[in-house]
Amino acid sequence: MIATRYYVGTVDRDTEFADTGFRWVTIEYRGIPEQMQEGDELWAVCDQGKCVSRSLCVSYERQNSSRTDAWKRTYRMTLAEAEVVAGKYLRAAQREWDAMIAKRKKLFGDVEPC
């Protein structure tokens, strides 16, 4: 058995429900599983149909025939790199979520997020 997709996520420390600050991404292998080798640069960090680069840029994943070599170099990486990128991306998403909640509280008072 070969793992080709990993789920990586975070939950807001102050809540226990997934709809209040939960974020997750997947790390997915984009090659032929039977030909997988350690160090392959064929892993992608995915967020609901988008791919994340090493510099945390996000791009919709194009159809296979439309992906250029430059795009693949930007959005494909080793599994170890993908794990680091996923962590950085999730921490950045959590900071954005926290800022949005703080802004809502300032505007509307202490209300629960929708």
C-alpha atoms as a PDB file:
ATOM      1  CA  MET A   1       0.000   0.000   0.000  1.00  0.00           C
ATOM      2  CA  ILE A   2       1.278   3.447  -0.957  1.00  0.00           C
ATOM      3  CA  ALA A   3       0.021   6.688   0.605  1.00  0.00           C
ATOM      4  CA  THR A   4      -0.564   9.306  -2.082  1.00  0.00           C
ATOM      5  CA  ARG A   5      -2.596  11.870  -0.112  1.00  0.00           C
ATOM      6  CA  TYR A   6      -2.118  13.293   3.359  1.00  0.00           C
ATOM      7  CA  TYR A   7      -4.541  15.603   5.173  1.00  0.00           C
ATOM      8  CA  VAL A   8      -2.927  18.345   7.224  1.00  0.00           C
ATOM      9  CA  GLY A   9      -5.009  20.673   9.356  1.00  0.00           C
ATOM     10  CA  THR A  10      -5.322  22.953  12.315  1.00  0.00           C
ATOM     11  CA  VAL A  11      -8.132  23.728  14.705  1.00  0.00           C
ATOM     12  CA  ASP A  12      -8.551  26.997  16.581  1.00  0.00           C
ATOM     13  CA  ARG A  13      -7.293  26.276  20.085  1.00  0.00           C
ATOM     14  CA  ASP A  14     -10.312  27.990  21.702  1.00  0.00           C
ATOM     15  CA  THR A  15     -12.990  25.948  19.949  1.00  0.00           C
ATOM     16  CA  GLU A  16     -13.857  22.363  19.319  1.00  0.00           C
ATOM     17  CA  PHE A  17     -15.996  22.727  16.209  1.00  0.00           C
ATOM     18  CA  ALA A  18     -14.627  22.568  12.682  1.00  0.00           C
ATOM     19  CA  ASP A  19     -16.655  25.535  11.396  1.00  0.00           C
ATOM     20  CA  THR A  20     -14.913  28.030  13.684  1.00  0.00           C
ATOM     21  CA  GLY A  21     -11.344  28.399  12.499  1.00  0.00           C
ATOM     22  CA  PHE A  22     -10.617  24.946  11.111  1.00  0.00           C
ATOM     23  CA  ARG A  23      -8.375  24.841   8.053  1.00  0.00           C
ATOM     24  CA  TRP A  24      -6.995  21.866   6.213  1.00  0.00           C
ATOM     25  CA  VAL A  25      -4.996  21.191   3.083  1.00  0.00           C
ATOM     26  CA  THR A  26      -3.898  18.026   1.380  1.00  0.00           C
ATOM     27  CA  ILE A  27      -0.454  16.952   0.273  1.00  0.00           C
ATOM     28  CA  GLU A  28      -0.933  14.865  -2.865  1.00  0.00           C
ATOM     29  CA  TYR A  29       1.370  12.825  -5.071  1.00  0.00           C
ATOM     30  CA  ARG A  30       1.007  13.786  -8.724  1.00  0.00           C
ATOM     31  CA  GLY A  31       2.963  10.948 -10.289  1.00  0.00           C
ATOM     32  CA  ILE A  32       2.355   7.246 -10.903  1.00  0.00           C
ATOM     33  CA  PRO A  33       2.205   5.642  -7.430  1.00  0.00           C
ATOM     34  CA  GLU A  34       3.968   2.453  -8.530  1.00  0.00           C
ATOM     35  CA  GLN A  35       6.912   4.541  -9.754  1.00  0.00           C
ATOM     36  CA  MET A  36       7.188   6.696  -6.595  1.00  0.00           C
ATOM     37  CA  GLN A  37      10.732   7.248  -5.355  1.00  0.00           C
ATOM     38  CA  GLU A  38      12.024   9.104  -2.328  1.00  0.00           C
ATOM     39  CA  GLY A  39      12.966  12.647  -3.296  1.00  0.00           C
ATOM     40  CA  ASP A  40      10.484  12.865  -6.185  1.00  0.00           C
ATOM     41  CA  GLU A  41       9.457  16.451  -6.852  1.00  0.00           C
ATOM     42  CA  LEU A  42       5.926  15.372  -7.711  1.00  0.00           C
ATOM     43  CA  TRP A  43       4.092  16.342  -4.505  1.00  0.00           C
ATOM     44  CA  ALA A  44       1.572  19.191  -4.391  1.00  0.00           C
ATOM     45  CA  VAL A  45       0.097  21.132  -1.486  1.00  0.00           C
ATOM     46  CA  CYS A  46      -3.573  21.511  -2.393  1.00  0.00           C
ATOM     47  CA  ASP A  47      -6.275  23.766  -0.981  1.00  0.00           C
ATOM     48  CA  GLN A  48      -9.665  22.994  -2.513  1.00  0.00           C
ATOM     49  CA  GLY A  49      -8.578  22.786  -6.153  1.00  0.00           C
ATOM     50  CA  LYS A  50      -5.685  25.215  -5.848  1.00  0.00           C
ATOM     51  CA  CYS A  51      -1.979  24.475  -5.459  1.00  0.00           C
ATOM     52  CA  VAL A  52       0.411  26.274  -3.110  1.00  0.00           C
ATOM     53  CA  SER A  53       4.010  27.071  -4.056  1.00  0.00           C
ATOM     54  CA  ARG A  54       7.094  27.133  -1.830  1.00  0.00           C
ATOM     55  CA  SER A  55       6.624  30.931  -1.539  1.00  0.00           C
ATOM     56  CA  LEU A  56       2.933  30.427  -0.574  1.00  0.00           C
ATOM     57  CA  CYS A  57       1.583  31.706  -3.896  1.00  0.00           C
ATOM     58  CA  VAL A  58      -1.670  30.004  -4.861  1.00  0.00           C
ATOM     59  CA  SER A  59      -2.740  28.943  -8.356  1.00  0.00           C
ATOM     60  CA  TYR A  60      -5.668  26.963  -9.670  1.00  0.00           C
ATOM     61  CA  GLU A  61      -4.418  23.598 -10.835  1.00  0.00           C
ATOM     62  CA  ARG A  62      -4.807  23.504 -14.577  1.00  0.00           C
ATOM     63  CA  GLN A  63      -5.730  20.504 -16.667  1.00  0.00           C
ATOM     64  CA  ASN A  64      -2.766  18.175 -17.055  1.00  0.00           C
ATOM     65  CA  SER A  65      -2.203  19.130 -20.678  1.00  0.00           C
ATOM     66  CA  SER A  66      -2.111  22.852 -19.775  1.00  0.00           C
ATOM     67  CA  ARG A  67       0.545  22.637 -17.052  1.00  0.00           C
ATOM     68  CA  THR A  68       3.814  24.109 -18.273  1.00  0.00           C
ATOM     69  CA  ASP A  69       7.222  22.979 -17.025  1.00  0.00           C
ATOM     70  CA  ALA A  70       7.630  26.348 -15.277  1.00  0.00           C
ATOM     71  CA  TRP A  71       4.287  25.888 -13.490  1.00  0.00           C
ATOM     72  CA  LYS A  72       5.276  22.383 -12.398  1.00  0.00           C
ATOM     73  CA  ARG A  73       8.645  23.611 -11.072  1.00  0.00           C
ATOM     74  CA  THR A  74       6.786  26.231  -9.030  1.00  0.00           C
ATOM     75  CA  TYR A  75       3.983  24.050  -7.643  1.00  0.00           C
ATOM     76  CA  ARG A  76       5.604  20.596  -7.326  1.00  0.00           C
ATOM     77  CA  MET A  77       8.054  19.687  -4.587  1.00  0.00           C
ATOM     78  CA  THR A  78       9.407  16.853  -2.491  1.00  0.00           C
ATOM     79  CA  LEU A  79       7.266  15.397   0.284  1.00  0.00           C
ATOM     80  CA  ALA A  80       9.517  16.993   2.932  1.00  0.00           C
ATOM     81  CA  GLU A  81       9.179  20.413   1.274  1.00  0.00           C
ATOM     82  CA  ALA A  82       5.409  19.944   0.960  1.00  0.00           C
ATOM     83  CA  GLU A  83       5.093  19.269   4.692  1.00  0.00           C
ATOM     84  CA  VAL A  84       6.931  22.528   5.484  1.00  0.00           C
ATOM     85  CA  VAL A  85       4.883  24.515   2.939  1.00  0.00           C
ATOM     86  CA  ALA A  86       1.595  23.092   4.285  1.00  0.00           C
ATOM     87  CA  GLY A  87       2.525  24.153   7.823  1.00  0.00           C
ATOM     88  CA  LYS A  88       3.495  27.681   6.756  1.00  0.00           C
ATOM     89  CA  TYR A  89       0.355  28.040   4.646  1.00  0.00           C
ATOM     90  CA  LEU A  90      -1.922  26.886   7.473  1.00  0.00           C
ATOM     91  CA  ARG A  91      -0.270  29.245   9.976  1.00  0.00           C
ATOM     92  CA  ALA A  92      -0.752  32.143   7.538  1.00  0.00           C
ATOM     93  CA  ALA A  93      -4.406  31.140   7.016  1.00  0.00           C
ATOM     94  CA  GLN A  94      -4.922  31.021  10.796  1.00  0.00           C
ATOM     95  CA  ARG A  95      -3.462  34.533  11.163  1.00  0.00           C
ATOM     96  CA  GLU A  96      -5.841  35.782   8.447  1.00  0.00           C
ATOM     97  CA  TRP A  97      -8.772  34.082  10.201  1.00  0.00           C
ATOM     98  CA  ASP A  98      -7.818  35.599  13.567  1.00  0.00           C
ATOM     99  CA  ALA A  99      -7.532  39.070  11.982  1.00  0.00           C
ATOM    100  CA  MET A 100     -10.949  38.694  10.345  1.00  0.00           C
ATOM    101  CA  ILE A 101     -12.569  37.658  13.648  1.00  0.00           C
ATOM    102  CA  ALA A 102     -10.899  40.588  15.454  1.00  0.00           C
ATOM    103  CA  LYS A 103     -12.221  42.973  12.792  1.00  0.00           C
ATOM    104  CA  ARG A 104     -15.757  41.517  13.112  1.00  0.00           C
ATOM    105  CA  LYS A 105     -15.640  41.913  16.898  1.00  0.00           C
ATOM    106  CA  LYS A 106     -14.526  45.522  16.537  1.00  0.00           C
ATOM    107  CA  LEU A 107     -17.344  46.273  14.096  1.00  0.00           C
ATOM    108  CA  PHE A 108     -20.169  44.203  15.574  1.00  0.00           C
ATOM    109  CA  GLY A 109     -19.199  43.447  19.144  1.00  0.00           C
ATOM    110  CA  ASP A 110     -18.585  40.041  20.643  1.00  0.00           C
ATOM    111  CA  VAL A 111     -20.658  37.907  18.246  1.00  0.00           C
ATOM    112  CA  GLU A 112     -20.105  34.331  17.154  1.00  0.00           C
ATOM    113  CA  PRO A 113     -18.703  33.885  13.615  1.00  0.00           C
ATOM    114  CA  CYS A 114     -21.188  32.735  10.983  1.00  0.00           C
END
